[in-house]
PDB file of N, CA and C in Angstrom:
ATOM      1  N   MET A   1     -68.283 -62.024   3.266  1.00  0.00           N
ATOM      2  CA  MET A   1     -68.990 -61.646   2.144  1.00  0.00           C
ATOM      3  C   MET A   1     -69.315 -60.112   2.028  1.00  0.00           C
ATOM      4  N   LYS A   2     -69.311 -59.562   3.243  1.00  0.00           N
ATOM      5  CA  LYS A   2     -69.690 -58.060   3.321  1.00  0.00           C
ATOM      6  C   LYS A   2     -68.662 -57.190   2.589  1.00  0.00           C
ATOM      7  N   VAL A   3     -67.410 -57.657   2.512  1.00  0.00           N
ATOM      8  CA  VAL A   3     -66.312 -56.863   1.882  1.00  0.00           C
ATOM      9  C   VAL A   3     -66.051 -57.269   0.492  1.00  0.00           C
ATOM     10  N   ALA A   4     -66.733 -58.425  -0.018  1.00  0.00           N
ATOM     11  CA  ALA A   4     -66.490 -58.817  -1.373  1.00  0.00           C
ATOM     12  C   ALA A   4     -67.138 -57.783  -2.327  1.00  0.00           C
ATOM     13  N   GLU A   5     -66.500 -57.419  -3.312  1.00  0.00           N
ATOM     14  CA  GLU A   5     -66.947 -56.520  -4.348  1.00  0.00           C
ATOM     15  C   GLU A   5     -66.976 -57.109  -5.716  1.00  0.00           C
ATOM     16  N   PRO A   6     -68.096 -56.876  -6.446  1.00  0.00           N
ATOM     17  CA  PRO A   6     -68.164 -57.455  -7.871  1.00  0.00           C
ATOM     18  C   PRO A   6     -67.005 -56.727  -8.742  1.00  0.00           C
ATOM     19  N   LYS A   7     -66.238 -57.617  -9.368  1.00  0.00           N
ATOM     20  CA  LYS A   7     -65.152 -57.189 -10.217  1.00  0.00           C
ATOM     21  C   LYS A   7     -65.567 -57.157 -11.788  1.00  0.00           C
ATOM     22  N   SER A   8     -66.058 -58.372 -12.213  1.00  0.00           N
ATOM     23  CA  SER A   8     -66.383 -58.504 -13.527  1.00  0.00           C
ATOM     24  C   SER A   8     -67.294 -59.609 -13.764  1.00  0.00           C
ATOM     25  N   VAL A   9     -67.800 -59.759 -14.921  1.00  0.00           N
ATOM     26  CA  VAL A   9     -68.454 -60.959 -15.358  1.00  0.00           C
ATOM     27  C   VAL A   9     -68.010 -61.427 -16.681  1.00  0.00           C
ATOM     28  N   GLU A  10     -67.572 -62.759 -16.563  1.00  0.00           N
ATOM     29  CA  GLU A  10     -66.900 -63.364 -17.801  1.00  0.00           C
ATOM     30  C   GLU A  10     -67.759 -64.480 -18.251  1.00  0.00           C
ATOM     31  N   GLY A  11     -68.619 -64.252 -19.157  1.00  0.00           N
ATOM     32  CA  GLY A  11     -69.556 -65.319 -19.517  1.00  0.00           C
ATOM     33  C   GLY A  11     -70.586 -65.435 -18.435  1.00  0.00           C
ATOM     34  N   SER A  12     -70.773 -66.658 -17.860  1.00  0.00           N
ATOM     35  CA  SER A  12     -71.615 -66.938 -16.804  1.00  0.00           C
ATOM     36  C   SER A  12     -70.903 -66.949 -15.464  1.00  0.00           C
ATOM     37  N   VAL A  13     -69.652 -66.434 -15.427  1.00  0.00           N
ATOM     38  CA  VAL A  13     -68.844 -66.356 -14.229  1.00  0.00           C
ATOM     39  C   VAL A  13     -68.785 -64.982 -13.666  1.00  0.00           C
ATOM     40  N   ALA A  14     -69.237 -64.804 -12.481  1.00  0.00           N
ATOM     41  CA  ALA A  14     -69.150 -63.515 -11.756  1.00  0.00           C
ATOM     42  C   ALA A  14     -67.944 -63.595 -10.835  1.00  0.00           C
ATOM     43  N   VAL A  15     -67.033 -62.611 -11.086  1.00  0.00           N
ATOM     44  CA  VAL A  15     -65.837 -62.542 -10.281  1.00  0.00           C
ATOM     45  C   VAL A  15     -66.080 -61.480  -9.166  1.00  0.00           C
ATOM     46  N   LEU A  16     -65.898 -62.003  -7.983  1.00  0.00           N
ATOM     47  CA  LEU A  16     -65.867 -61.053  -6.707  1.00  0.00           C
ATOM     48  C   LEU A  16     -64.480 -60.989  -6.145  1.00  0.00           C
ATOM     49  N   THR A  17     -64.067 -59.750  -5.826  1.00  0.00           N
ATOM     50  CA  THR A  17     -62.815 -59.699  -5.185  1.00  0.00           C
ATOM     51  C   THR A  17     -62.939 -59.234  -3.645  1.00  0.00           C
ATOM     52  N   MET A  18     -61.877 -59.770  -3.041  1.00  0.00           N
ATOM     53  CA  MET A  18     -61.717 -59.484  -1.568  1.00  0.00           C
ATOM     54  C   MET A  18     -60.560 -58.679  -1.432  1.00  0.00           C
ATOM     55  N   PRO A  19     -60.541 -57.744  -0.341  1.00  0.00           N
ATOM     56  CA  PRO A  19     -59.380 -56.924  -0.133  1.00  0.00           C
ATOM     57  C   PRO A  19     -58.126 -57.867   0.137  1.00  0.00           C
ATOM     58  N   ALA A  20     -56.929 -57.456  -0.261  1.00  0.00           N
ATOM     59  CA  ALA A  20     -55.785 -58.316  -0.149  1.00  0.00           C
ATOM     60  C   ALA A  20     -55.476 -58.661   1.272  1.00  0.00           C
ATOM     61  N   HIS A  21     -55.730 -57.737   2.239  1.00  0.00           N
ATOM     62  CA  HIS A  21     -55.390 -58.070   3.671  1.00  0.00           C
ATOM     63  C   HIS A  21     -56.366 -59.089   4.260  1.00  0.00           C
ATOM     64  N   GLN A  22     -57.412 -59.466   3.501  1.00  0.00           N
ATOM     65  CA  GLN A  22     -58.386 -60.427   3.840  1.00  0.00           C
ATOM     66  C   GLN A  22     -58.037 -61.812   3.312  1.00  0.00           C
ATOM     67  N   HIS A  23     -56.789 -62.152   3.182  1.00  0.00           N
ATOM     68  CA  HIS A  23     -56.341 -63.370   2.524  1.00  0.00           C
ATOM     69  C   HIS A  23     -56.942 -64.670   3.124  1.00  0.00           C
ATOM     70  N   PHE A  24     -57.059 -64.738   4.450  1.00  0.00           N
ATOM     71  CA  PHE A  24     -57.623 -65.847   5.108  1.00  0.00           C
ATOM     72  C   PHE A  24     -59.100 -66.093   4.691  1.00  0.00           C
ATOM     73  N   HIS A  25     -59.919 -65.035   4.700  1.00  0.00           N
ATOM     74  CA  HIS A  25     -61.294 -65.121   4.272  1.00  0.00           C
ATOM     75  C   HIS A  25     -61.412 -65.567   2.811  1.00  0.00           C
ATOM     76  N   LEU A  26     -60.563 -65.073   2.013  1.00  0.00           N
ATOM     77  CA  LEU A  26     -60.476 -65.479   0.581  1.00  0.00           C
ATOM     78  C   LEU A  26     -60.273 -66.935   0.496  1.00  0.00           C
ATOM     79  N   GLU A  27     -59.260 -67.404   1.277  1.00  0.00           N
ATOM     80  CA  GLU A  27     -59.055 -68.906   1.173  1.00  0.00           C
ATOM     81  C   GLU A  27     -60.238 -69.706   1.651  1.00  0.00           C
ATOM     82  N   GLN A  28     -60.905 -69.277   2.677  1.00  0.00           N
ATOM     83  CA  GLN A  28     -62.100 -69.980   3.236  1.00  0.00           C
ATOM     84  C   GLN A  28     -63.206 -69.885   2.168  1.00  0.00           C
ATOM     85  N   LEU A  29     -63.421 -68.874   1.488  1.00  0.00           N
ATOM     86  CA  LEU A  29     -64.473 -68.754   0.399  1.00  0.00           C
ATOM     87  C   LEU A  29     -64.099 -69.734  -0.640  1.00  0.00           C
ATOM     88  N   ASN A  30     -62.836 -69.856  -1.053  1.00  0.00           N
ATOM     89  CA  ASN A  30     -62.552 -70.722  -2.138  1.00  0.00           C
ATOM     90  C   ASN A  30     -62.416 -72.151  -1.729  1.00  0.00           C
ATOM     91  N   ALA A  31     -62.326 -72.446  -0.432  1.00  0.00           N
ATOM     92  CA  ALA A  31     -62.305 -73.893   0.020  1.00  0.00           C
ATOM     93  C   ALA A  31     -63.706 -74.404   0.402  1.00  0.00           C
ATOM     94  N   ASP A  32     -64.617 -73.540   0.564  1.00  0.00           N
ATOM     95  CA  ASP A  32     -66.042 -74.013   1.114  1.00  0.00           C
ATOM     96  C   ASP A  32     -67.007 -74.215  -0.102  1.00  0.00           C
ATOM     97  N   ASP A  33     -66.969 -75.384  -0.602  1.00  0.00           N
ATOM     98  CA  ASP A  33     -67.832 -75.734  -1.824  1.00  0.00           C
ATOM     99  C   ASP A  33     -69.302 -75.607  -1.507  1.00  0.00           C
ATOM    100  N   GLN A  34     -69.691 -76.001  -0.238  1.00  0.00           N
ATOM    101  CA  GLN A  34     -71.126 -75.867   0.124  1.00  0.00           C
ATOM    102  C   GLN A  34     -71.571 -74.406   0.120  1.00  0.00           C
ATOM    103  N   LEU A  35     -70.710 -73.403   0.606  1.00  0.00           N
ATOM    104  CA  LEU A  35     -71.084 -72.069   0.675  1.00  0.00           C
ATOM    105  C   LEU A  35     -71.123 -71.515  -0.756  1.00  0.00           C
ATOM    106  N   ARG A  36     -70.123 -71.914  -1.610  1.00  0.00           N
ATOM    107  CA  ARG A  36     -70.171 -71.424  -2.971  1.00  0.00           C
ATOM    108  C   ARG A  36     -71.464 -71.924  -3.622  1.00  0.00           C
ATOM    109  N   THR A  37     -71.792 -73.170  -3.445  1.00  0.00           N
ATOM    110  CA  THR A  37     -72.995 -73.744  -4.242  1.00  0.00           C
ATOM    111  C   THR A  37     -74.322 -72.997  -3.689  1.00  0.00           C
ATOM    112  N   ALA A  38     -74.394 -72.707  -2.351  1.00  0.00           N
ATOM    113  CA  ALA A  38     -75.479 -72.000  -1.782  1.00  0.00           C
ATOM    114  C   ALA A  38     -75.575 -70.499  -2.415  1.00  0.00           C
ATOM    115  N   LEU A  39     -74.403 -69.890  -2.409  1.00  0.00           N
ATOM    116  CA  LEU A  39     -74.356 -68.481  -2.945  1.00  0.00           C
ATOM    117  C   LEU A  39     -74.721 -68.518  -4.436  1.00  0.00           C
ATOM    118  N   GLU A  40     -74.152 -69.452  -5.166  1.00  0.00           N
ATOM    119  CA  GLU A  40     -74.457 -69.574  -6.666  1.00  0.00           C
ATOM    120  C   GLU A  40     -75.962 -69.830  -6.940  1.00  0.00           C
ATOM    121  N   ALA A  41     -76.664 -70.575  -6.000  1.00  0.00           N
ATOM    122  CA  ALA A  41     -78.078 -70.783  -6.058  1.00  0.00           C
ATOM    123  C   ALA A  41     -78.832 -69.551  -5.795  1.00  0.00           C
ATOM    124  N   ILE A  42     -78.483 -68.825  -4.919  1.00  0.00           N
ATOM    125  CA  ILE A  42     -79.256 -67.516  -4.563  1.00  0.00           C
ATOM    126  C   ILE A  42     -78.941 -66.620  -5.687  1.00  0.00           C
ATOM    127  N   ALA A  43     -77.780 -66.478  -6.267  1.00  0.00           N
ATOM    128  CA  ALA A  43     -77.448 -65.489  -7.362  1.00  0.00           C
ATOM    129  C   ALA A  43     -78.212 -65.983  -8.641  1.00  0.00           C
ATOM    130  N   THR A  44     -78.313 -67.284  -8.849  1.00  0.00           N
ATOM    131  CA  THR A  44     -79.071 -67.777 -10.059  1.00  0.00           C
ATOM    132  C   THR A  44     -80.528 -67.486  -9.866  1.00  0.00           C
ATOM    133  N   GLU A  45     -81.025 -67.651  -8.667  1.00  0.00           N
ATOM    134  CA  GLU A  45     -82.449 -67.338  -8.469  1.00  0.00           C
ATOM    135  C   GLU A  45     -82.707 -65.849  -8.679  1.00  0.00           C
ATOM    136  N   ILE A  46     -81.926 -64.984  -8.090  1.00  0.00           N
ATOM    137  CA  ILE A  46     -82.090 -63.482  -8.219  1.00  0.00           C
ATOM    138  C   ILE A  46     -81.956 -63.051  -9.618  1.00  0.00           C
ATOM    139  N   LEU A  47     -80.888 -63.532 -10.443  1.00  0.00           N
ATOM    140  CA  LEU A  47     -80.640 -63.076 -11.744  1.00  0.00           C
ATOM    141  C   LEU A  47     -81.431 -63.770 -12.829  1.00  0.00           C
ATOM    142  N   GLY A  48     -81.982 -64.903 -12.517  1.00  0.00           N
ATOM    143  CA  GLY A  48     -82.888 -65.649 -13.490  1.00  0.00           C
ATOM    144  C   GLY A  48     -81.980 -66.530 -14.449  1.00  0.00           C
ATOM    145  N   SER A  49     -80.741 -66.590 -14.260  1.00  0.00           N
ATOM    146  CA  SER A  49     -79.957 -67.510 -15.073  1.00  0.00           C
ATOM    147  C   SER A  49     -78.747 -68.048 -14.329  1.00  0.00           C
ATOM    148  N   SER A  50     -78.277 -69.200 -14.758  1.00  0.00           N
ATOM    149  CA  SER A  50     -77.174 -69.922 -14.117  1.00  0.00           C
ATOM    150  C   SER A  50     -75.955 -69.058 -14.011  1.00  0.00           C
ATOM    151  N   ILE A  51     -75.378 -69.031 -12.782  1.00  0.00           N
ATOM    152  CA  ILE A  51     -74.108 -68.218 -12.664  1.00  0.00           C
ATOM    153  C   ILE A  51     -73.195 -68.930 -11.792  1.00  0.00           C
ATOM    154  N   THR A  52     -71.901 -68.785 -12.065  1.00  0.00           N
ATOM    155  CA  THR A  52     -70.891 -69.364 -11.223  1.00  0.00           C
ATOM    156  C   THR A  52     -70.101 -68.185 -10.599  1.00  0.00           C
ATOM    157  N   LEU A  53     -69.767 -68.394  -9.312  1.00  0.00           N
ATOM    158  CA  LEU A  53     -68.961 -67.309  -8.541  1.00  0.00           C
ATOM    159  C   LEU A  53     -67.566 -67.766  -8.499  1.00  0.00           C
ATOM    160  N   GLN A  54     -66.668 -66.688  -8.596  1.00  0.00           N
ATOM    161  CA  GLN A  54     -65.273 -66.938  -8.466  1.00  0.00           C
ATOM    162  C   GLN A  54     -64.841 -65.834  -7.546  1.00  0.00           C
ATOM    163  N   PHE A  55     -63.864 -66.206  -6.590  1.00  0.00           N
ATOM    164  CA  PHE A  55     -63.451 -65.238  -5.549  1.00  0.00           C
ATOM    165  C   PHE A  55     -61.992 -65.066  -5.806  1.00  0.00           C
ATOM    166  N   ARG A  56     -61.514 -63.858  -5.907  1.00  0.00           N
ATOM    167  CA  ARG A  56     -60.104 -63.483  -6.034  1.00  0.00           C
ATOM    168  C   ARG A  56     -59.748 -62.275  -5.139  1.00  0.00           C
ATOM    169  N   SER A  57     -58.470 -62.097  -4.957  1.00  0.00           N
ATOM    170  CA  SER A  57     -57.985 -61.031  -4.198  1.00  0.00           C
ATOM    171  C   SER A  57     -57.983 -59.791  -5.152  1.00  0.00           C
ATOM    172  N   ASP A  58     -58.264 -58.620  -4.546  1.00  0.00           N
ATOM    173  CA  ASP A  58     -58.168 -57.367  -5.347  1.00  0.00           C
ATOM    174  C   ASP A  58     -56.901 -56.981  -5.743  1.00  0.00           C
ATOM    175  N   ASP A  59     -55.836 -57.584  -5.366  1.00  0.00           N
ATOM    176  CA  ASP A  59     -54.574 -57.324  -5.957  1.00  0.00           C
ATOM    177  C   ASP A  59     -54.106 -58.437  -6.945  1.00  0.00           C
ATOM    178  N   ASP A  60     -54.916 -59.365  -7.188  1.00  0.00           N
ATOM    179  CA  ASP A  60     -54.730 -60.390  -8.110  1.00  0.00           C
ATOM    180  C   ASP A  60     -54.836 -59.961  -9.567  1.00  0.00           C
ATOM    181  N   GLN A  61     -54.000 -60.562 -10.317  1.00  0.00           N
ATOM    182  CA  GLN A  61     -54.157 -60.323 -11.725  1.00  0.00           C
ATOM    183  C   GLN A  61     -55.278 -61.186 -12.331  1.00  0.00           C
ATOM    184  N   ALA A  62     -55.942 -60.764 -13.230  1.00  0.00           N
ATOM    185  CA  ALA A  62     -57.104 -61.539 -13.849  1.00  0.00           C
ATOM    186  C   ALA A  62     -56.533 -62.771 -14.601  1.00  0.00           C
ATOM    187  N   VAL A  63     -56.209 -63.925 -13.850  1.00  0.00           N
ATOM    188  CA  VAL A  63     -55.573 -65.097 -14.374  1.00  0.00           C
ATOM    189  C   VAL A  63     -56.563 -66.167 -14.024  1.00  0.00           C
ATOM    190  N   SER A  64     -56.901 -66.941 -15.059  1.00  0.00           N
ATOM    191  CA  SER A  64     -57.872 -68.159 -14.835  1.00  0.00           C
ATOM    192  C   SER A  64     -57.038 -69.190 -14.207  1.00  0.00           C
ATOM    193  N   GLU A  65     -57.714 -70.179 -13.594  1.00  0.00           N
ATOM    194  CA  GLU A  65     -57.083 -71.271 -13.050  1.00  0.00           C
ATOM    195  C   GLU A  65     -56.219 -72.201 -14.045  1.00  0.00           C
ATOM    196  N   GLU A  66     -56.758 -72.175 -15.203  1.00  0.00           N
ATOM    197  CA  GLU A  66     -56.024 -73.007 -16.310  1.00  0.00           C
ATOM    198  C   GLU A  66     -54.611 -72.289 -16.594  1.00  0.00           C
ATOM    199  N   GLU A  67     -54.592 -70.983 -16.469  1.00  0.00           N
ATOM    200  CA  GLU A  67     -53.337 -70.297 -16.846  1.00  0.00           C
ATOM    201  C   GLU A  67     -52.313 -70.231 -15.683  1.00  0.00           C
ATOM    202  N   LYS A  68     -52.760 -70.652 -14.482  1.00  0.00           N
ATOM    203  CA  LYS A  68     -51.873 -70.664 -13.311  1.00  0.00           C
ATOM    204  C   LYS A  68     -51.007 -71.828 -13.413  1.00  0.00           C
ATOM    205  N   VAL A  69     -49.748 -71.651 -13.275  1.00  0.00           N
ATOM    206  CA  VAL A  69     -48.761 -72.819 -13.265  1.00  0.00           C
ATOM    207  C   VAL A  69     -48.295 -72.928 -11.855  1.00  0.00           C
ATOM    208  N   VAL A  70     -48.388 -74.125 -11.254  1.00  0.00           N
ATOM    209  CA  VAL A  70     -48.089 -74.321  -9.865  1.00  0.00           C
ATOM    210  C   VAL A  70     -46.824 -75.140  -9.819  1.00  0.00           C
ATOM    211  N   ASP A  71     -45.841 -74.680  -9.258  1.00  0.00           N
ATOM    212  CA  ASP A  71     -44.598 -75.500  -9.009  1.00  0.00           C
ATOM    213  C   ASP A  71     -44.745 -76.325  -7.809  1.00  0.00           C
ATOM    214  N   GLU A  72     -44.863 -77.566  -7.900  1.00  0.00           N
ATOM    215  CA  GLU A  72     -45.014 -78.450  -6.823  1.00  0.00           C
ATOM    216  C   GLU A  72     -43.759 -78.845  -6.050  1.00  0.00           C
ATOM    217  N   THR A  73     -42.549 -78.466  -6.618  1.00  0.00           N
ATOM    218  CA  THR A  73     -41.229 -78.796  -6.093  1.00  0.00           C
ATOM    219  C   THR A  73     -41.090 -77.914  -4.685  1.00  0.00           C
ATOM    220  N   PRO A  74     -40.931 -78.701  -3.602  1.00  0.00           N
ATOM    221  CA  PRO A  74     -40.735 -77.923  -2.347  1.00  0.00           C
ATOM    222  C   PRO A  74     -39.320 -77.262  -2.275  1.00  0.00           C
ATOM    223  N   VAL A  75     -39.265 -76.079  -1.782  1.00  0.00           N
ATOM    224  CA  VAL A  75     -37.978 -75.421  -1.557  1.00  0.00           C
ATOM    225  C   VAL A  75     -37.415 -76.020  -0.331  1.00  0.00           C
ATOM    226  N   ARG A  76     -36.098 -76.457  -0.569  1.00  0.00           N
ATOM    227  CA  ARG A  76     -35.409 -77.121   0.418  1.00  0.00           C
ATOM    228  C   ARG A  76     -34.096 -76.345   0.780  1.00  0.00           C
ATOM    229  N   ALA A  77     -33.661 -76.477   2.018  1.00  0.00           N
ATOM    230  CA  ALA A  77     -32.488 -75.829   2.470  1.00  0.00           C
ATOM    231  C   ALA A  77     -31.236 -76.519   1.799  1.00  0.00           C
ATOM    232  N   PRO A  78     -30.187 -75.699   1.562  1.00  0.00           N
ATOM    233  CA  PRO A  78     -29.067 -76.353   0.929  1.00  0.00           C
ATOM    234  C   PRO A  78     -28.376 -77.361   1.859  1.00  0.00           C
ATOM    235  N   GLU A  79     -27.698 -78.260   1.210  1.00  0.00           N
ATOM    236  CA  GLU A  79     -26.867 -79.343   1.994  1.00  0.00           C
ATOM    237  C   GLU A  79     -25.840 -78.668   2.772  1.00  0.00           C
ATOM    238  N   LYS A  80     -25.406 -79.145   3.875  1.00  0.00           N
ATOM    239  CA  LYS A  80     -24.367 -78.554   4.711  1.00  0.00           C
ATOM    240  C   LYS A  80     -23.062 -78.394   3.904  1.00  0.00           C
ATOM    241  N   ASP A  81     -22.741 -79.471   3.051  1.00  0.00           N
ATOM    242  CA  ASP A  81     -21.556 -79.437   2.258  1.00  0.00           C
ATOM    243  C   ASP A  81     -21.448 -78.354   1.201  1.00  0.00           C
ATOM    244  N   ASP A  82     -22.723 -77.881   0.792  1.00  0.00           N
ATOM    245  CA  ASP A  82     -22.817 -76.916  -0.202  1.00  0.00           C
ATOM    246  C   ASP A  82     -22.816 -75.430   0.307  1.00  0.00           C
ATOM    247  N   LEU A  83     -22.739 -75.277   1.689  1.00  0.00           N
ATOM    248  CA  LEU A  83     -22.770 -73.971   2.147  1.00  0.00           C
ATOM    249  C   LEU A  83     -21.325 -73.376   2.146  1.00  0.00           C
ATOM    250  N   GLU A  84     -21.100 -72.091   1.930  1.00  0.00           N
ATOM    251  CA  GLU A  84     -19.870 -71.439   1.911  1.00  0.00           C
ATOM    252  C   GLU A  84     -19.602 -70.888   3.306  1.00  0.00           C
ATOM    253  N   GLU A  85     -18.211 -70.839   3.638  1.00  0.00           N
ATOM    254  CA  GLU A  85     -17.941 -70.153   4.916  1.00  0.00           C
ATOM    255  C   GLU A  85     -18.104 -68.646   4.753  1.00  0.00           C
ATOM    256  N   GLY A  86     -18.727 -68.155   5.843  1.00  0.00           N
ATOM    257  CA  GLY A  86     -18.983 -66.656   5.876  1.00  0.00           C
ATOM    258  C   GLY A  86     -17.835 -66.023   6.606  1.00  0.00           C
ATOM    259  N   ALA A  87     -17.922 -64.704   6.510  1.00  0.00           N
ATOM    260  CA  ALA A  87     -16.866 -63.914   7.235  1.00  0.00           C
ATOM    261  C   ALA A  87     -17.000 -64.134   8.780  1.00  0.00           C
ATOM    262  N   ASP A  88     -15.997 -63.879   9.518  1.00  0.00           N
ATOM    263  CA  ASP A  88     -16.159 -63.967  10.936  1.00  0.00           C
ATOM    264  C   ASP A  88     -17.153 -62.908  11.445  1.00  0.00           C
ATOM    265  N   LEU A  89     -18.193 -63.330  12.171  1.00  0.00           N
ATOM    266  CA  LEU A  89     -19.246 -62.384  12.555  1.00  0.00           C
ATOM    267  C   LEU A  89     -18.809 -61.778  13.913  1.00  0.00           C
ATOM    268  N   GLU A  90     -19.238 -60.624  14.073  1.00  0.00           N
ATOM    269  CA  GLU A  90     -18.998 -59.916  15.370  1.00  0.00           C
ATOM    270  C   GLU A  90     -19.874 -60.534  16.431  1.00  0.00           C
ATOM    271  N   ASP A  91     -19.289 -60.525  17.680  1.00  0.00           N
ATOM    272  CA  ASP A  91     -20.028 -61.066  18.763  1.00  0.00           C
ATOM    273  C   ASP A  91     -21.348 -60.409  18.998  1.00  0.00           C
ATOM    274  N   PRO A  92     -22.488 -61.110  19.091  1.00  0.00           N
ATOM    275  CA  PRO A  92     -23.727 -60.433  19.254  1.00  0.00           C
ATOM    276  C   PRO A  92     -23.883 -59.490  20.520  1.00  0.00           C
ATOM    277  N   ALA A  93     -23.187 -59.803  21.508  1.00  0.00           N
ATOM    278  CA  ALA A  93     -23.260 -58.978  22.726  1.00  0.00           C
ATOM    279  C   ALA A  93     -22.531 -57.663  22.360  1.00  0.00           C
ATOM    280  N   ASP A  94     -21.455 -57.767  21.685  1.00  0.00           N
ATOM    281  CA  ASP A  94     -20.746 -56.474  21.206  1.00  0.00           C
ATOM    282  C   ASP A  94     -21.650 -55.606  20.356  1.00  0.00           C
ATOM    283  N   MET A  95     -22.329 -56.315  19.485  1.00  0.00           N
ATOM    284  CA  MET A  95     -23.209 -55.547  18.511  1.00  0.00           C
ATOM    285  C   MET A  95     -24.390 -54.797  19.308  1.00  0.00           C
ATOM    286  N   ILE A  96     -24.952 -55.482  20.206  1.00  0.00           N
ATOM    287  CA  ILE A  96     -26.018 -54.916  20.986  1.00  0.00           C
ATOM    288  C   ILE A  96     -25.535 -53.718  21.779  1.00  0.00           C
ATOM    289  N   ALA A  97     -24.498 -53.929  22.514  1.00  0.00           N
ATOM    290  CA  ALA A  97     -23.800 -52.927  23.265  1.00  0.00           C
ATOM    291  C   ALA A  97     -23.566 -51.673  22.450  1.00  0.00           C
ATOM    292  N   ASP A  98     -23.026 -51.896  21.265  1.00  0.00           N
ATOM    293  CA  ASP A  98     -22.797 -50.781  20.278  1.00  0.00           C
ATOM    294  C   ASP A  98     -24.075 -50.088  19.883  1.00  0.00           C
ATOM    295  N   MET A  99     -25.074 -50.775  19.544  1.00  0.00           N
ATOM    296  CA  MET A  99     -26.317 -50.290  19.069  1.00  0.00           C
ATOM    297  C   MET A  99     -26.945 -49.374  20.201  1.00  0.00           C
ATOM    298  N   LEU A 100     -26.830 -49.854  21.432  1.00  0.00           N
ATOM    299  CA  LEU A 100     -27.489 -49.104  22.479  1.00  0.00           C
ATOM    300  C   LEU A 100     -26.686 -48.178  23.267  1.00  0.00           C
ATOM    301  N   GLY A 101     -25.391 -48.103  22.687  1.00  0.00           N
ATOM    302  CA  GLY A 101     -24.406 -47.202  23.394  1.00  0.00           C
ATOM    303  C   GLY A 101     -23.970 -47.563  24.781  1.00  0.00           C
ATOM    304  N   GLY A 102     -23.966 -48.949  25.018  1.00  0.00           N
ATOM    305  CA  GLY A 102     -23.615 -49.349  26.358  1.00  0.00           C
ATOM    306  C   GLY A 102     -22.217 -50.034  26.297  1.00  0.00           C
ATOM    307  N   LYS A 103     -21.848 -50.690  27.390  1.00  0.00           N
ATOM    308  CA  LYS A 103     -20.540 -51.366  27.437  1.00  0.00           C
ATOM    309  C   LYS A 103     -20.790 -52.622  28.148  1.00  0.00           C
ATOM    310  N   ILE A 104     -19.968 -53.660  27.884  1.00  0.00           N
ATOM    311  CA  ILE A 104     -20.071 -54.897  28.503  1.00  0.00           C
ATOM    312  C   ILE A 104     -19.200 -54.919  29.787  1.00  0.00           C
ATOM    313  N   VAL A 105     -19.744 -55.298  30.865  1.00  0.00           N
ATOM    314  CA  VAL A 105     -18.915 -55.231  32.163  1.00  0.00           C
ATOM    315  C   VAL A 105     -18.553 -56.683  32.405  1.00  0.00           C
ATOM    316  N   GLU A 106     -17.329 -57.014  32.520  1.00  0.00           N
ATOM    317  CA  GLU A 106     -16.744 -58.280  32.796  1.00  0.00           C
ATOM    318  C   GLU A 106     -16.717 -58.372  34.405  1.00  0.00           C
ATOM    319  N   GLU A 107     -17.197 -59.509  34.852  1.00  0.00           N
ATOM    320  CA  GLU A 107     -17.163 -59.655  36.354  1.00  0.00           C
ATOM    321  C   GLU A 107     -16.084 -60.619  36.716  1.00  0.00           C
TER     322      GLU A 107
END
């Protein structure tokens, strides 16, 4: 919560943003209903009116939960028969020797 910054107030909803690199903490704040309820109670007491807290990333667009469309379809790897043959690849050992300026010694 130390790095959360007030972003806006939309009706009775106060939007707090977290730095984008603090994604884990943002997820935890959004997942912990008990913490949110406690923080909302404290904010309500201090401000004197009912308030709801919403946590977002500071790189998030201001999009409400209703506007977000979630695609539930999992991304799957293509079937083996659908894969195309690629060009013959260079031997990895030759590639490494070339990058490092070395040579392969055959015993």
